[in-house]
Protein backbone atom coordinates (compact mmCIF):
# COMPACT_ATOMS: atom_id res chain seq x y z
CA MET A 1 169.06 -32.30 231.64
CA PRO A 2 171.02 -32.10 234.90
CA LYS A 3 171.06 -29.08 237.19
CA PHE A 4 174.23 -27.02 237.30
CA ASN A 5 175.91 -24.75 239.80
CA ILE A 6 177.73 -21.76 238.41
CA LEU A 7 181.33 -21.77 239.64
CA GLN A 8 182.45 -18.56 237.94
CA VAL A 9 181.10 -15.75 235.82
CA GLN A 10 183.84 -14.43 233.55
CA ALA A 11 184.01 -11.34 231.40
CA THR A 12 184.88 -11.87 227.74
CA PRO A 13 186.49 -9.53 225.20
CA ASN A 14 182.91 -8.75 224.12
CA PRO A 15 181.24 -6.52 226.75
CA ASN A 16 177.89 -8.02 225.70
CA ALA A 17 178.90 -11.60 226.54
CA ARG A 18 179.68 -13.46 229.76
CA LYS A 19 181.08 -16.95 230.26
CA PHE A 20 179.38 -19.02 232.97
CA VAL A 21 181.64 -21.88 234.12
CA VAL A 22 179.55 -24.68 235.65
CA ASP A 23 180.14 -27.86 237.64
CA GLY A 24 179.27 -30.28 234.85
CA VAL A 25 179.29 -30.81 231.10
CA VAL A 26 176.57 -28.90 229.26
CA SER A 27 177.59 -30.09 225.79
CA GLN A 28 180.27 -32.43 224.41
CA SER A 29 180.61 -30.33 221.26
CA PRO A 30 180.02 -26.63 220.58
CA VAL A 31 176.41 -25.68 220.01
CA SER A 32 175.43 -22.08 219.22
CA PHE A 33 171.97 -20.54 219.18
CA PHE A 34 171.31 -17.10 217.71
CA THR A 35 167.52 -17.03 217.93
CA ALA A 36 164.91 -18.25 220.38
CA GLU A 37 163.35 -20.23 217.54
CA ALA A 38 166.57 -22.14 216.93
CA ALA A 39 166.87 -22.84 220.67
CA ALA A 40 163.30 -24.12 221.00
CA GLY A 41 164.31 -27.78 220.78
CA HIS A 42 167.03 -27.53 223.44
CA PRO A 43 165.73 -27.19 227.03
CA LEU A 44 168.72 -25.26 228.43
CA ALA A 45 169.11 -22.90 225.48
CA ALA A 46 165.36 -22.26 225.35
CA ALA A 47 165.28 -21.44 229.07
CA LEU A 48 168.19 -19.02 228.64
CA PHE A 49 166.52 -17.32 225.68
CA ALA A 50 163.43 -16.81 227.85
CA ILE A 51 165.52 -14.35 229.90
CA ASP A 52 164.79 -10.79 228.86
CA GLY A 53 167.78 -9.33 227.02
CA VAL A 54 169.51 -12.58 225.95
CA SER A 55 170.55 -12.50 222.29
CA ASN A 56 172.66 -15.66 221.84
CA VAL A 57 173.87 -18.74 223.67
CA LEU A 58 176.93 -20.97 223.21
CA LEU A 59 177.19 -24.33 224.99
CA LEU A 60 180.50 -26.18 225.20
CA GLY A 61 182.07 -28.45 227.77
CA ASP A 62 181.73 -27.00 231.25
CA PHE A 63 180.61 -23.53 230.25
CA VAL A 64 177.79 -21.51 228.78
CA THR A 65 178.43 -18.19 227.08
CA VAL A 66 175.43 -15.87 227.11
CA GLY A 67 175.23 -12.82 224.88
CA LYS A 68 172.94 -9.90 225.64
CA ARG A 69 171.42 -7.04 223.72
CA PRO A 70 173.40 -3.80 224.30
CA GLU A 71 170.61 -2.13 226.29
CA ALA A 72 170.20 -5.07 228.70
CA ARG A 73 171.97 -4.98 232.07
CA TRP A 74 174.21 -7.74 233.39
CA PRO A 75 173.04 -7.89 237.03
CA ALA A 76 169.51 -8.98 236.09
CA ILE A 77 170.73 -11.40 233.41
CA VAL A 78 173.34 -13.02 235.69
CA ALA A 79 170.73 -13.54 238.42
CA ALA A 80 168.31 -15.06 235.91
CA VAL A 81 171.00 -17.35 234.42
CA ARG A 82 171.85 -18.59 237.92
CA LYS A 83 168.19 -19.41 238.51
CA VAL A 84 167.83 -21.22 235.17
CA MET A 85 170.97 -23.29 235.70
CA ARG A 86 169.76 -24.48 239.11
CA LYS A 87 166.39 -25.60 237.67
CA ILE A 88 167.42 -27.28 234.43
């Protein structure tokens, strides 16, 4: 899996989701994960689910949408997503 740089972090209509636009293709077709168990076989999704507060992940084209639990805070999650994307 290639490493990615995050070009933009965009708000979505859902306050518990953010769209991370990256400098490469993360998935040719949409892939959604709603549990850590479902993401276990996918290195990027599994690494994102390892972030405290992440509740779901969508991969498509040049972006990743990360959902969080309502009590989780975006600053910590965004920093952790940036770190994961640089290491994958």
